[in-house]
Amino acid sequence: MKKALAMAAFVCMWGGEVVAGYIYWLGVGGSYTGNFEVASNWDAGVPGANDWACFKNTTTKNWEVMFNSDVTNLTFLSDTDALNYETRFVLNQHVWTAVDQFYFRKGVGGRVTFTNGTLRTKSLHCYPDTTVSPLYMALALKGVVCEA
């Protein structure tokens, strides 16, 4: 009986654990443009506070993500693999909180721009994570407040 109760307690504790999901941006109909809060603009629904919001711009397109409310995610991930193309986040006076970090990687000449709002996180990381050259990216903050 004690073994059964111990096993049941373990399963309940393990079953209640929150696992972060990696959720990737698609935009309206795969256009990479649209509103952050629309579930169909993501591969697995809108990322929540326990998820990574992932933007992997490997296309030869400019991306644009617009906000209609404050957003909280565990981590923000942006790959900038598209040389001379931009991923733009139009915050529209809203706050985007990354509980863990804003993480920029694979700097292969792409641009990431945040406009008109507030970014809140405890850390911001830029990491090349690639052997491709050139190794750079442009990060622009236009009318943006950054908070830790």
Protein backbone atom coordinates (compact mmCIF):
# COMPACT_ATOMS: atom_id res chain seq x y z
CA MET A 1 0.00 0.00 0.00
CA LYS A 2 2.81 2.42 0.89
CA LYS A 3 4.52 1.72 -2.45
CA ALA A 4 1.29 2.42 -4.33
CA LEU A 5 0.78 5.74 -2.49
CA ALA A 6 4.40 6.75 -3.06
CA MET A 7 4.11 5.92 -6.77
CA ALA A 8 0.82 7.85 -7.05
CA ALA A 9 2.40 10.86 -5.33
CA PHE A 10 5.39 10.73 -7.70
CA VAL A 11 3.14 10.52 -10.77
CA CYS A 12 1.02 13.45 -9.55
CA MET A 13 4.08 15.60 -8.90
CA TRP A 14 5.67 14.71 -12.22
CA GLY A 15 2.38 15.11 -14.10
CA GLY A 16 2.00 18.65 -12.75
CA GLU A 17 5.38 19.80 -14.07
CA VAL A 18 5.21 22.54 -16.68
CA VAL A 19 7.33 21.89 -19.75
CA ALA A 20 8.28 24.80 -22.00
CA GLY A 21 7.22 24.57 -25.61
CA TYR A 22 9.07 25.95 -28.62
CA ILE A 23 6.41 27.73 -30.67
CA TYR A 24 7.34 29.11 -34.08
CA TRP A 25 5.98 32.20 -35.85
CA LEU A 26 4.32 31.71 -39.25
CA GLY A 27 2.22 34.83 -39.74
CA VAL A 28 -1.03 35.00 -41.70
CA GLY A 29 -1.09 32.07 -44.13
CA GLY A 30 2.68 31.60 -43.77
CA SER A 31 3.40 35.21 -44.80
CA TYR A 32 5.42 35.91 -41.61
CA THR A 33 3.34 39.05 -41.06
CA GLY A 34 0.45 39.39 -38.61
CA ASN A 35 -0.74 39.83 -35.02
CA PHE A 36 1.12 38.08 -32.22
CA GLU A 37 -2.10 37.17 -30.38
CA VAL A 38 -3.70 35.20 -33.26
CA ALA A 39 -3.31 31.45 -32.71
CA SER A 40 -3.26 30.56 -36.43
CA ASN A 41 -0.17 32.77 -36.89
CA TRP A 42 1.85 30.19 -34.90
CA ASP A 43 2.69 26.55 -35.55
CA ALA A 44 1.17 25.46 -32.20
CA GLY A 45 -1.02 28.34 -30.96
CA VAL A 46 0.00 31.55 -29.20
CA PRO A 47 3.01 31.02 -26.90
CA GLY A 48 2.30 31.61 -23.22
CA ALA A 49 4.33 32.42 -20.13
CA ASN A 50 5.92 28.94 -20.07
CA ASP A 51 6.86 28.88 -23.76
CA TRP A 52 9.60 30.06 -26.06
CA ALA A 53 8.34 32.47 -28.74
CA CYS A 54 10.57 31.60 -31.70
CA PHE A 55 11.22 33.71 -34.79
CA LYS A 56 13.58 31.99 -37.23
CA ASN A 57 13.87 34.31 -40.21
CA THR A 58 15.71 32.15 -42.70
CA THR A 59 13.61 33.40 -45.62
CA THR A 60 14.32 36.18 -48.07
CA LYS A 61 11.44 38.22 -46.69
CA ASN A 62 10.92 41.00 -44.19
CA TRP A 63 8.78 39.82 -41.28
CA GLU A 64 6.43 41.97 -39.18
CA VAL A 65 4.80 41.04 -35.88
CA MET A 66 2.22 43.42 -34.36
CA PHE A 67 1.03 43.47 -30.74
CA ASN A 68 -2.49 44.26 -29.50
CA SER A 69 -1.84 43.49 -25.82
CA ASP A 70 0.93 42.92 -23.29
CA VAL A 71 2.66 39.55 -23.72
CA THR A 72 4.69 37.31 -21.40
CA ASN A 73 6.84 34.41 -22.60
CA LEU A 74 9.52 32.32 -20.94
CA THR A 75 12.07 33.15 -23.65
CA PHE A 76 12.17 35.09 -26.91
CA LEU A 77 14.35 33.52 -29.62
CA SER A 78 15.31 35.24 -32.87
CA ASP A 79 17.50 33.76 -35.58
CA THR A 80 18.76 36.31 -38.10
CA ASP A 81 19.88 34.01 -40.90
CA ALA A 82 18.38 36.11 -43.72
CA LEU A 83 21.10 38.46 -44.93
CA ASN A 84 19.77 42.04 -45.29
CA TYR A 85 16.21 41.12 -44.22
CA GLU A 86 14.41 42.36 -41.13
CA THR A 87 12.15 40.95 -38.45
CA ARG A 88 10.20 43.91 -37.03
CA PHE A 89 8.19 43.83 -33.79
CA VAL A 90 5.63 46.64 -33.60
CA LEU A 91 4.79 46.74 -29.89
CA ASN A 92 2.04 49.42 -30.17
CA GLN A 93 2.69 50.78 -26.63
CA HIS A 94 2.56 47.28 -25.10
CA VAL A 95 4.98 45.43 -22.82
CA TRP A 96 6.72 42.25 -23.94
CA THR A 97 8.14 40.33 -20.99
CA ALA A 98 10.60 37.47 -21.39
CA VAL A 99 10.78 35.84 -17.96
CA ASP A 100 14.12 34.19 -18.75
CA GLN A 101 15.77 36.04 -21.66
CA PHE A 102 15.70 37.68 -25.06
CA TYR A 103 18.04 35.48 -27.11
CA PHE A 104 19.43 36.50 -30.51
CA ARG A 105 21.51 33.97 -32.40
CA LYS A 106 22.85 33.04 -35.83
CA GLY A 107 23.83 36.57 -36.75
CA VAL A 108 24.27 36.22 -40.50
CA GLY A 109 23.46 39.80 -41.46
CA GLY A 110 19.78 40.00 -40.58
CA ARG A 111 18.09 42.83 -38.67
CA VAL A 112 15.74 42.77 -35.68
CA THR A 113 13.80 45.93 -34.87
CA PHE A 114 11.52 46.66 -31.91
CA THR A 115 9.32 49.76 -32.08
CA ASN A 116 7.05 51.73 -29.79
CA GLY A 117 6.74 49.82 -26.51
CA THR A 118 8.56 48.20 -23.58
CA LEU A 119 10.83 45.14 -23.43
CA ARG A 120 11.19 43.58 -19.99
CA THR A 121 13.66 40.79 -19.16
CA LYS A 122 16.49 39.89 -16.82
CA SER A 123 18.95 39.22 -19.65
CA LEU A 124 19.63 39.75 -23.33
CA HIS A 125 22.01 37.39 -25.16
CA CYS A 126 23.55 37.67 -28.60
CA TYR A 127 25.30 34.52 -29.77
CA PRO A 128 26.60 33.79 -33.30
CA ASP A 129 25.91 30.01 -33.10
CA THR A 130 27.04 29.49 -36.68
CA THR A 131 30.11 28.94 -38.82
CA VAL A 132 28.72 30.97 -41.72
CA SER A 133 30.27 34.35 -42.52
CA PRO A 134 29.57 37.26 -42.08
CA LEU A 135 28.81 37.05 -38.37
CA TYR A 136 26.80 40.14 -37.55
CA MET A 137 23.26 41.29 -37.00
CA ALA A 138 21.63 44.66 -36.45
CA LEU A 139 19.42 45.21 -33.41
CA ALA A 140 17.36 48.42 -33.42
CA LEU A 141 15.20 49.83 -30.62
CA LYS A 142 13.00 52.71 -31.82
CA GLY A 143 10.82 54.35 -29.17
CA VAL A 144 11.40 51.39 -26.87
CA VAL A 145 11.90 51.33 -23.10
CA CYS A 146 14.03 48.46 -21.77
CA GLU A 147 13.51 47.22 -18.21
CA ALA A 148 15.23 44.57 -16.14
